[in-house]
PDB file of N, CA and C in Angstrom:
ATOM      1  N   MET A   1      99.629 -71.763 -56.654  1.00  0.00           N
ATOM      2  CA  MET A   1      98.517 -72.160 -57.492  1.00  0.00           C
ATOM      3  C   MET A   1      97.311 -72.477 -56.599  1.00  0.00           C
ATOM      4  N   GLN A   2      96.186 -71.884 -56.930  1.00  0.00           N
ATOM      5  CA  GLN A   2      94.955 -72.148 -56.182  1.00  0.00           C
ATOM      6  C   GLN A   2      94.214 -73.332 -56.811  1.00  0.00           C
ATOM      7  N   VAL A   3      93.835 -74.263 -55.984  1.00  0.00           N
ATOM      8  CA  VAL A   3      93.090 -75.432 -56.435  1.00  0.00           C
ATOM      9  C   VAL A   3      91.616 -75.194 -56.146  1.00  0.00           C
ATOM     10  N   PRO A   4      90.757 -75.265 -57.165  1.00  0.00           N
ATOM     11  CA  PRO A   4      89.326 -75.021 -56.916  1.00  0.00           C
ATOM     12  C   PRO A   4      88.705 -76.148 -56.090  1.00  0.00           C
ATOM     13  N   ILE A   5      87.798 -75.765 -55.240  1.00  0.00           N
ATOM     14  CA  ILE A   5      87.046 -76.737 -54.454  1.00  0.00           C
ATOM     15  C   ILE A   5      85.751 -77.020 -55.199  1.00  0.00           C
ATOM     16  N   VAL A   6      85.528 -78.290 -55.524  1.00  0.00           N
ATOM     17  CA  VAL A   6      84.360 -78.693 -56.292  1.00  0.00           C
ATOM     18  C   VAL A   6      83.434 -79.525 -55.409  1.00  0.00           C
ATOM     19  N   GLY A   7      82.165 -79.139 -55.370  1.00  0.00           N
ATOM     20  CA  GLY A   7      81.153 -79.923 -54.675  1.00  0.00           C
ATOM     21  C   GLY A   7      80.431 -80.800 -55.682  1.00  0.00           C
ATOM     22  N   SER A   8      79.866 -81.885 -55.227  1.00  0.00           N
ATOM     23  CA  SER A   8      79.193 -82.810 -56.129  1.00  0.00           C
ATOM     24  C   SER A   8      77.801 -83.149 -55.617  1.00  0.00           C
ATOM     25  N   VAL A   9      76.826 -83.113 -56.504  1.00  0.00           N
ATOM     26  CA  VAL A   9      75.473 -83.565 -56.188  1.00  0.00           C
ATOM     27  C   VAL A   9      75.068 -84.614 -57.213  1.00  0.00           C
ATOM     28  N   GLY A  10      74.347 -85.596 -56.735  1.00  0.00           N
ATOM     29  CA  GLY A  10      73.883 -86.668 -57.598  1.00  0.00           C
ATOM     30  C   GLY A  10      72.417 -86.508 -57.924  1.00  0.00           C
ATOM     31  N   PRO A  11      71.853 -87.480 -58.608  1.00  0.00           N
ATOM     32  CA  PRO A  11      70.477 -87.404 -59.061  1.00  0.00           C
ATOM     33  C   PRO A  11      69.472 -87.792 -57.978  1.00  0.00           C
ATOM     34  N   TYR A  12      68.242 -87.416 -58.222  1.00  0.00           N
ATOM     35  CA  TYR A  12      67.142 -87.764 -57.337  1.00  0.00           C
ATOM     36  C   TYR A  12      67.089 -89.272 -57.081  1.00  0.00           C
ATOM     37  N   GLY A  13      67.284 -90.059 -58.108  1.00  0.00           N
ATOM     38  CA  GLY A  13      67.179 -91.508 -57.987  1.00  0.00           C
ATOM     39  C   GLY A  13      68.131 -92.117 -56.983  1.00  0.00           C
ATOM     40  N   ALA A  14      69.243 -91.444 -56.676  1.00  0.00           N
ATOM     41  CA  ALA A  14      70.205 -91.989 -55.717  1.00  0.00           C
ATOM     42  C   ALA A  14      69.604 -92.122 -54.325  1.00  0.00           C
ATOM     43  N   CYS A  15      68.643 -91.278 -53.981  1.00  0.00           N
ATOM     44  CA  CYS A  15      68.049 -91.352 -52.644  1.00  0.00           C
ATOM     45  C   CYS A  15      67.120 -92.552 -52.507  1.00  0.00           C
ATOM     46  N   LEU A  16      66.787 -93.188 -53.603  1.00  0.00           N
ATOM     47  CA  LEU A  16      65.888 -94.341 -53.566  1.00  0.00           C
ATOM     48  C   LEU A  16      66.621 -95.642 -53.251  1.00  0.00           C
ATOM     49  N   HIS A  17      67.942 -95.633 -53.382  1.00  0.00           N
ATOM     50  CA  HIS A  17      68.780 -96.794 -53.071  1.00  0.00           C
ATOM     51  C   HIS A  17      68.378 -98.039 -53.865  1.00  0.00           C
ATOM     52  N   ASP A  18      68.019 -97.832 -55.126  1.00  0.00           N
ATOM     53  CA  ASP A  18      67.640 -98.974 -55.965  1.00  0.00           C
ATOM     54  C   ASP A  18      68.329 -98.966 -57.331  1.00  0.00           C
ATOM     55  N   GLY A  19      69.356 -98.128 -57.479  1.00  0.00           N
ATOM     56  CA  GLY A  19      70.072 -98.040 -58.751  1.00  0.00           C
ATOM     57  C   GLY A  19      69.448 -97.086 -59.748  1.00  0.00           C
ATOM     58  N   SER A  20      68.419 -96.361 -59.348  1.00  0.00           N
ATOM     59  CA  SER A  20      67.718 -95.463 -60.273  1.00  0.00           C
ATOM     60  C   SER A  20      68.615 -94.389 -60.874  1.00  0.00           C
ATOM     61  N   GLU A  21      69.688 -94.028 -60.171  1.00  0.00           N
ATOM     62  CA  GLU A  21      70.574 -93.000 -60.711  1.00  0.00           C
ATOM     63  C   GLU A  21      71.270 -93.455 -61.976  1.00  0.00           C
ATOM     64  N   TYR A  22      71.276 -94.751 -62.237  1.00  0.00           N
ATOM     65  CA  TYR A  22      71.941 -95.285 -63.418  1.00  0.00           C
ATOM     66  C   TYR A  22      70.982 -95.589 -64.562  1.00  0.00           C
ATOM     67  N   PHE A  23      69.739 -95.940 -64.247  1.00  0.00           N
ATOM     68  CA  PHE A  23      68.831 -96.328 -65.323  1.00  0.00           C
ATOM     69  C   PHE A  23      67.551 -95.523 -65.372  1.00  0.00           C
ATOM     70  N   GLY A  24      67.399 -94.575 -64.469  1.00  0.00           N
ATOM     71  CA  GLY A  24      66.200 -93.743 -64.454  1.00  0.00           C
ATOM     72  C   GLY A  24      65.201 -94.241 -63.432  1.00  0.00           C
ATOM     73  N   TYR A  25      64.416 -93.337 -62.953  1.00  0.00           N
ATOM     74  CA  TYR A  25      63.444 -93.628 -61.911  1.00  0.00           C
ATOM     75  C   TYR A  25      62.109 -93.943 -62.562  1.00  0.00           C
ATOM     76  N   ALA A  26      61.547 -95.110 -62.252  1.00  0.00           N
ATOM     77  CA  ALA A  26      60.288 -95.543 -62.866  1.00  0.00           C
ATOM     78  C   ALA A  26      59.146 -94.579 -62.554  1.00  0.00           C
ATOM     79  N   GLY A  27      59.218 -93.892 -61.428  1.00  0.00           N
ATOM     80  CA  GLY A  27      58.172 -92.938 -61.055  1.00  0.00           C
ATOM     81  C   GLY A  27      58.402 -91.535 -61.580  1.00  0.00           C
ATOM     82  N   MET A  28      59.360 -91.376 -62.479  1.00  0.00           N
ATOM     83  CA  MET A  28      59.701 -90.045 -62.996  1.00  0.00           C
ATOM     84  C   MET A  28      58.499 -89.288 -63.549  1.00  0.00           C
ATOM     85  N   PRO A  29      57.519 -89.942 -64.186  1.00  0.00           N
ATOM     86  CA  PRO A  29      56.365 -89.172 -64.672  1.00  0.00           C
ATOM     87  C   PRO A  29      55.610 -88.445 -63.550  1.00  0.00           C
ATOM     88  N   LEU A  30      55.738 -88.913 -62.307  1.00  0.00           N
ATOM     89  CA  LEU A  30      55.072 -88.260 -61.182  1.00  0.00           C
ATOM     90  C   LEU A  30      55.824 -87.027 -60.707  1.00  0.00           C
ATOM     91  N   LEU A  31      57.083 -86.911 -61.107  1.00  0.00           N
ATOM     92  CA  LEU A  31      57.893 -85.764 -60.697  1.00  0.00           C
ATOM     93  C   LEU A  31      57.728 -84.627 -61.690  1.00  0.00           C
ATOM     94  N   THR A  32      57.730 -83.428 -61.163  1.00  0.00           N
ATOM     95  CA  THR A  32      57.676 -82.237 -62.009  1.00  0.00           C
ATOM     96  C   THR A  32      59.018 -81.523 -61.922  1.00  0.00           C
ATOM     97  N   GLN A  33      59.201 -80.578 -62.805  1.00  0.00           N
ATOM     98  CA  GLN A  33      60.420 -79.785 -62.767  1.00  0.00           C
ATOM     99  C   GLN A  33      60.533 -79.060 -61.426  1.00  0.00           C
ATOM    100  N   GLU A  34      59.429 -78.525 -60.939  1.00  0.00           N
ATOM    101  CA  GLU A  34      59.447 -77.804 -59.655  1.00  0.00           C
ATOM    102  C   GLU A  34      59.812 -78.742 -58.499  1.00  0.00           C
ATOM    103  N   LYS A  35      59.266 -79.953 -58.487  1.00  0.00           N
ATOM    104  CA  LYS A  35      59.589 -80.911 -57.418  1.00  0.00           C
ATOM    105  C   LYS A  35      61.062 -81.292 -57.450  1.00  0.00           C
ATOM    106  N   LEU A  36      61.607 -81.468 -58.641  1.00  0.00           N
ATOM    107  CA  LEU A  36      63.024 -81.797 -58.753  1.00  0.00           C
ATOM    108  C   LEU A  36      63.898 -80.624 -58.311  1.00  0.00           C
ATOM    109  N   MET A  37      63.496 -79.418 -58.663  1.00  0.00           N
ATOM    110  CA  MET A  37      64.233 -78.237 -58.203  1.00  0.00           C
ATOM    111  C   MET A  37      64.195 -78.155 -56.680  1.00  0.00           C
ATOM    112  N   ASP A  38      63.033 -78.397 -56.096  1.00  0.00           N
ATOM    113  CA  ASP A  38      62.896 -78.367 -54.638  1.00  0.00           C
ATOM    114  C   ASP A  38      63.772 -79.423 -53.976  1.00  0.00           C
ATOM    115  N   TRP A  39      63.902 -80.584 -54.617  1.00  0.00           N
ATOM    116  CA  TRP A  39      64.725 -81.656 -54.055  1.00  0.00           C
ATOM    117  C   TRP A  39      66.213 -81.307 -54.116  1.00  0.00           C
ATOM    118  N   HIS A  40      66.655 -80.693 -55.230  1.00  0.00           N
ATOM    119  CA  HIS A  40      68.075 -80.364 -55.410  1.00  0.00           C
ATOM    120  C   HIS A  40      68.500 -79.113 -54.636  1.00  0.00           C
ATOM    121  N   ARG A  41      67.588 -78.184 -54.426  1.00  0.00           N
ATOM    122  CA  ARG A  41      67.924 -76.884 -53.832  1.00  0.00           C
ATOM    123  C   ARG A  41      68.720 -76.988 -52.526  1.00  0.00           C
ATOM    124  N   PRO A  42      68.269 -77.747 -51.506  1.00  0.00           N
ATOM    125  CA  PRO A  42      69.024 -77.742 -50.246  1.00  0.00           C
ATOM    126  C   PRO A  42      70.427 -78.329 -50.364  1.00  0.00           C
ATOM    127  N   ARG A  43      70.629 -79.269 -51.247  1.00  0.00           N
ATOM    128  CA  ARG A  43      71.955 -79.859 -51.433  1.00  0.00           C
ATOM    129  C   ARG A  43      72.905 -78.854 -52.075  1.00  0.00           C
ATOM    130  N   ILE A  44      72.406 -78.186 -53.104  1.00  0.00           N
ATOM    131  CA  ILE A  44      73.237 -77.186 -53.779  1.00  0.00           C
ATOM    132  C   ILE A  44      73.506 -76.012 -52.842  1.00  0.00           C
ATOM    133  N   LYS A  45      72.495 -75.588 -52.106  1.00  0.00           N
ATOM    134  CA  LYS A  45      72.660 -74.473 -51.172  1.00  0.00           C
ATOM    135  C   LYS A  45      73.687 -74.812 -50.098  1.00  0.00           C
ATOM    136  N   ALA A  46      73.656 -76.022 -49.571  1.00  0.00           N
ATOM    137  CA  ALA A  46      74.622 -76.423 -48.542  1.00  0.00           C
ATOM    138  C   ALA A  46      76.053 -76.348 -49.070  1.00  0.00           C
ATOM    139  N   LEU A  47      76.262 -76.808 -50.290  1.00  0.00           N
ATOM    140  CA  LEU A  47      77.604 -76.740 -50.881  1.00  0.00           C
ATOM    141  C   LEU A  47      78.014 -75.298 -51.157  1.00  0.00           C
ATOM    142  N   ASP A  48      77.079 -74.498 -51.642  1.00  0.00           N
ATOM    143  CA  ASP A  48      77.353 -73.089 -51.889  1.00  0.00           C
ATOM    144  C   ASP A  48      77.699 -72.379 -50.583  1.00  0.00           C
ATOM    145  N   ASP A  49      76.911 -72.630 -49.554  1.00  0.00           N
ATOM    146  CA  ASP A  49      77.168 -72.019 -48.244  1.00  0.00           C
ATOM    147  C   ASP A  49      78.516 -72.449 -47.673  1.00  0.00           C
ATOM    148  N   ALA A  50      78.944 -73.654 -48.020  1.00  0.00           N
ATOM    149  CA  ALA A  50      80.238 -74.161 -47.543  1.00  0.00           C
ATOM    150  C   ALA A  50      81.411 -73.559 -48.312  1.00  0.00           C
ATOM    151  N   GLY A  51      81.125 -72.867 -49.425  1.00  0.00           N
ATOM    152  CA  GLY A  51      82.175 -72.161 -50.136  1.00  0.00           C
ATOM    153  C   GLY A  51      82.774 -72.849 -51.345  1.00  0.00           C
ATOM    154  N   VAL A  52      82.086 -73.844 -51.911  1.00  0.00           N
ATOM    155  CA  VAL A  52      82.642 -74.460 -53.115  1.00  0.00           C
ATOM    156  C   VAL A  52      82.710 -73.432 -54.242  1.00  0.00           C
ATOM    157  N   GLN A  53      83.688 -73.589 -55.115  1.00  0.00           N
ATOM    158  CA  GLN A  53      83.810 -72.687 -56.261  1.00  0.00           C
ATOM    159  C   GLN A  53      83.147 -73.248 -57.515  1.00  0.00           C
ATOM    160  N   MET A  54      82.983 -74.554 -57.540  1.00  0.00           N
ATOM    161  CA  MET A  54      82.382 -75.204 -58.699  1.00  0.00           C
ATOM    162  C   MET A  54      81.463 -76.313 -58.217  1.00  0.00           C
ATOM    163  N   LEU A  55      80.553 -76.716 -59.095  1.00  0.00           N
ATOM    164  CA  LEU A  55      79.595 -77.757 -58.750  1.00  0.00           C
ATOM    165  C   LEU A  55      79.546 -78.798 -59.862  1.00  0.00           C
ATOM    166  N   ALA A  56      79.706 -80.056 -59.473  1.00  0.00           N
ATOM    167  CA  ALA A  56      79.553 -81.167 -60.406  1.00  0.00           C
ATOM    168  C   ALA A  56      78.175 -81.781 -60.149  1.00  0.00           C
ATOM    169  N   VAL A  57      77.369 -81.826 -61.165  1.00  0.00           N
ATOM    170  CA  VAL A  57      76.041 -82.461 -61.087  1.00  0.00           C
ATOM    171  C   VAL A  57      76.194 -83.750 -61.893  1.00  0.00           C
ATOM    172  N   GLU A  58      76.156 -84.882 -61.184  1.00  0.00           N
ATOM    173  CA  GLU A  58      76.644 -86.113 -61.806  1.00  0.00           C
ATOM    174  C   GLU A  58      75.590 -87.209 -61.926  1.00  0.00           C
ATOM    175  N   THR A  59      75.765 -88.017 -62.936  1.00  0.00           N
ATOM    176  CA  THR A  59      74.963 -89.207 -63.263  1.00  0.00           C
ATOM    177  C   THR A  59      73.470 -88.914 -63.321  1.00  0.00           C
ATOM    178  N   ILE A  60      73.118 -87.854 -64.023  1.00  0.00           N
ATOM    179  CA  ILE A  60      71.710 -87.485 -64.184  1.00  0.00           C
ATOM    180  C   ILE A  60      71.117 -88.381 -65.276  1.00  0.00           C
ATOM    181  N   PRO A  61      70.031 -89.124 -64.958  1.00  0.00           N
ATOM    182  CA  PRO A  61      69.514 -90.101 -65.907  1.00  0.00           C
ATOM    183  C   PRO A  61      68.371 -89.614 -66.792  1.00  0.00           C
ATOM    184  N   SER A  62      67.932 -88.361 -66.610  1.00  0.00           N
ATOM    185  CA  SER A  62      66.792 -87.912 -67.419  1.00  0.00           C
ATOM    186  C   SER A  62      66.951 -86.464 -67.844  1.00  0.00           C
ATOM    187  N   LEU A  63      66.381 -86.162 -68.995  1.00  0.00           N
ATOM    188  CA  LEU A  63      66.414 -84.797 -69.505  1.00  0.00           C
ATOM    189  C   LEU A  63      65.623 -83.858 -68.597  1.00  0.00           C
ATOM    190  N   LEU A  64      64.501 -84.327 -68.045  1.00  0.00           N
ATOM    191  CA  LEU A  64      63.709 -83.500 -67.141  1.00  0.00           C
ATOM    192  C   LEU A  64      64.525 -83.080 -65.923  1.00  0.00           C
ATOM    193  N   GLU A  65      65.256 -84.005 -65.337  1.00  0.00           N
ATOM    194  CA  GLU A  65      66.058 -83.663 -64.170  1.00  0.00           C
ATOM    195  C   GLU A  65      67.198 -82.723 -64.546  1.00  0.00           C
ATOM    196  N   ALA A  66      67.817 -82.946 -65.682  1.00  0.00           N
ATOM    197  CA  ALA A  66      68.887 -82.054 -66.135  1.00  0.00           C
ATOM    198  C   ALA A  66      68.355 -80.629 -66.327  1.00  0.00           C
ATOM    199  N   LYS A  67      67.228 -80.492 -66.987  1.00  0.00           N
ATOM    200  CA  LYS A  67      66.641 -79.167 -67.197  1.00  0.00           C
ATOM    201  C   LYS A  67      66.273 -78.511 -65.869  1.00  0.00           C
ATOM    202  N   SER A  68      65.785 -79.309 -64.929  1.00  0.00           N
ATOM    203  CA  SER A  68      65.403 -78.786 -63.619  1.00  0.00           C
ATOM    204  C   SER A  68      66.610 -78.219 -62.885  1.00  0.00           C
ATOM    205  N   VAL A  69      67.697 -78.970 -62.872  1.00  0.00           N
ATOM    206  CA  VAL A  69      68.906 -78.519 -62.184  1.00  0.00           C
ATOM    207  C   VAL A  69      69.467 -77.273 -62.867  1.00  0.00           C
ATOM    208  N   LEU A  70      69.487 -77.272 -64.185  1.00  0.00           N
ATOM    209  CA  LEU A  70      70.013 -76.109 -64.898  1.00  0.00           C
ATOM    210  C   LEU A  70      69.176 -74.863 -64.634  1.00  0.00           C
ATOM    211  N   GLN A  71      67.873 -75.010 -64.597  1.00  0.00           N
ATOM    212  CA  GLN A  71      67.016 -73.855 -64.306  1.00  0.00           C
ATOM    213  C   GLN A  71      67.286 -73.346 -62.887  1.00  0.00           C
ATOM    214  N   LEU A  72      67.420 -74.264 -61.937  1.00  0.00           N
ATOM    215  CA  LEU A  72      67.707 -73.883 -60.552  1.00  0.00           C
ATOM    216  C   LEU A  72      69.042 -73.152 -60.464  1.00  0.00           C
ATOM    217  N   LEU A  73      70.058 -73.669 -61.116  1.00  0.00           N
ATOM    218  CA  LEU A  73      71.371 -73.026 -61.077  1.00  0.00           C
ATOM    219  C   LEU A  73      71.326 -71.632 -61.685  1.00  0.00           C
ATOM    220  N   ARG A  74      70.673 -71.492 -62.814  1.00  0.00           N
ATOM    221  CA  ARG A  74      70.580 -70.171 -63.460  1.00  0.00           C
ATOM    222  C   ARG A  74      69.823 -69.166 -62.592  1.00  0.00           C
ATOM    223  N   ALA A  75      68.730 -69.621 -61.983  1.00  0.00           N
ATOM    224  CA  ALA A  75      67.862 -68.719 -61.235  1.00  0.00           C
ATOM    225  C   ALA A  75      68.419 -68.351 -59.857  1.00  0.00           C
ATOM    226  N   GLU A  76      68.992 -69.321 -59.159  1.00  0.00           N
ATOM    227  CA  GLU A  76      69.332 -69.093 -57.755  1.00  0.00           C
ATOM    228  C   GLU A  76      70.824 -69.166 -57.429  1.00  0.00           C
ATOM    229  N   PHE A  77      71.608 -69.752 -58.318  1.00  0.00           N
ATOM    230  CA  PHE A  77      73.035 -69.911 -58.053  1.00  0.00           C
ATOM    231  C   PHE A  77      73.855 -69.534 -59.299  1.00  0.00           C
ATOM    232  N   PRO A  78      73.590 -68.377 -59.900  1.00  0.00           N
ATOM    233  CA  PRO A  78      74.260 -68.040 -61.163  1.00  0.00           C
ATOM    234  C   PRO A  78      75.772 -67.846 -61.022  1.00  0.00           C
ATOM    235  N   HIS A  79      76.246 -67.658 -59.813  1.00  0.00           N
ATOM    236  CA  HIS A  79      77.676 -67.459 -59.563  1.00  0.00           C
ATOM    237  C   HIS A  79      78.458 -68.776 -59.514  1.00  0.00           C
ATOM    238  N   LEU A  80      77.760 -69.904 -59.400  1.00  0.00           N
ATOM    239  CA  LEU A  80      78.438 -71.198 -59.327  1.00  0.00           C
ATOM    240  C   LEU A  80      78.730 -71.734 -60.727  1.00  0.00           C
ATOM    241  N   ARG A  81      79.993 -71.942 -61.001  1.00  0.00           N
ATOM    242  CA  ARG A  81      80.349 -72.635 -62.240  1.00  0.00           C
ATOM    243  C   ARG A  81      80.007 -74.098 -62.034  1.00  0.00           C
ATOM    244  N   SER A  82      79.561 -74.759 -63.088  1.00  0.00           N
ATOM    245  CA  SER A  82      79.130 -76.138 -62.910  1.00  0.00           C
ATOM    246  C   SER A  82      79.278 -76.937 -64.196  1.00  0.00           C
ATOM    247  N   TRP A  83      79.214 -78.239 -64.013  1.00  0.00           N
ATOM    248  CA  TRP A  83      79.088 -79.128 -65.161  1.00  0.00           C
ATOM    249  C   TRP A  83      78.085 -80.209 -64.807  1.00  0.00           C
ATOM    250  N   LEU A  84      77.565 -80.827 -65.824  1.00  0.00           N
ATOM    251  CA  LEU A  84      76.539 -81.853 -65.659  1.00  0.00           C
ATOM    252  C   LEU A  84      76.948 -83.073 -66.468  1.00  0.00           C
ATOM    253  N   SER A  85      76.875 -84.234 -65.826  1.00  0.00           N
ATOM    254  CA  SER A  85      77.137 -85.477 -66.562  1.00  0.00           C
ATOM    255  C   SER A  85      75.906 -86.348 -66.511  1.00  0.00           C
ATOM    256  N   PHE A  86      75.737 -87.141 -67.536  1.00  0.00           N
ATOM    257  CA  PHE A  86      74.567 -88.010 -67.662  1.00  0.00           C
ATOM    258  C   PHE A  86      74.955 -89.463 -67.470  1.00  0.00           C
ATOM    259  N   SER A  87      74.002 -90.261 -67.057  1.00  0.00           N
ATOM    260  CA  SER A  87      74.115 -91.707 -67.185  1.00  0.00           C
ATOM    261  C   SER A  87      73.077 -92.088 -68.234  1.00  0.00           C
ATOM    262  N   CYS A  88      73.447 -92.974 -69.096  1.00  0.00           N
ATOM    263  CA  CYS A  88      72.574 -93.301 -70.216  1.00  0.00           C
ATOM    264  C   CYS A  88      72.313 -94.800 -70.261  1.00  0.00           C
ATOM    265  N   LYS A  89      71.095 -95.141 -70.538  1.00  0.00           N
ATOM    266  CA  LYS A  89      70.740 -96.539 -70.742  1.00  0.00           C
ATOM    267  C   LYS A  89      70.852 -96.817 -72.236  1.00  0.00           C
ATOM    268  N   VAL A  90      71.627 -97.803 -72.579  1.00  0.00           N
ATOM    269  CA  VAL A  90      71.842 -98.145 -73.961  1.00  0.00           C
ATOM    270  C   VAL A  90      70.932 -99.312 -74.328  1.00  0.00           C
ATOM    271  N   LYS A  91      70.165 -99.129 -75.384  1.00  0.00           N
ATOM    272  CA  LYS A  91      69.321-100.230 -75.867  1.00  0.00           C
ATOM    273  C   LYS A  91      70.108-101.033 -76.883  1.00  0.00           C
ATOM    274  N   VAL A  92      70.179-102.308 -76.641  1.00  0.00           N
ATOM    275  CA  VAL A  92      70.971-103.174 -77.535  1.00  0.00           C
ATOM    276  C   VAL A  92      70.041-104.082 -78.298  1.00  0.00           C
TER     277      VAL A  92
END
């Protein structure tokens, strides 16, 4: 039985080291889809170059970032199977 190798990439907010990956980045309005694609590209490319068969895109806190990653995957990495998970802020 072959076990698939899965690579994982997290959200832009994780690089800020302030918990933004869980509740969203306050500066998100300054980010564009293209900037988010540019930020994710080298991480995804490194995993692809390393030979992963699948990609987990995890704890994405915004629809803009999710759309950006999906567009990047479709355009430049269509051979990578992937899934995307969200982190959601619940208003109580």
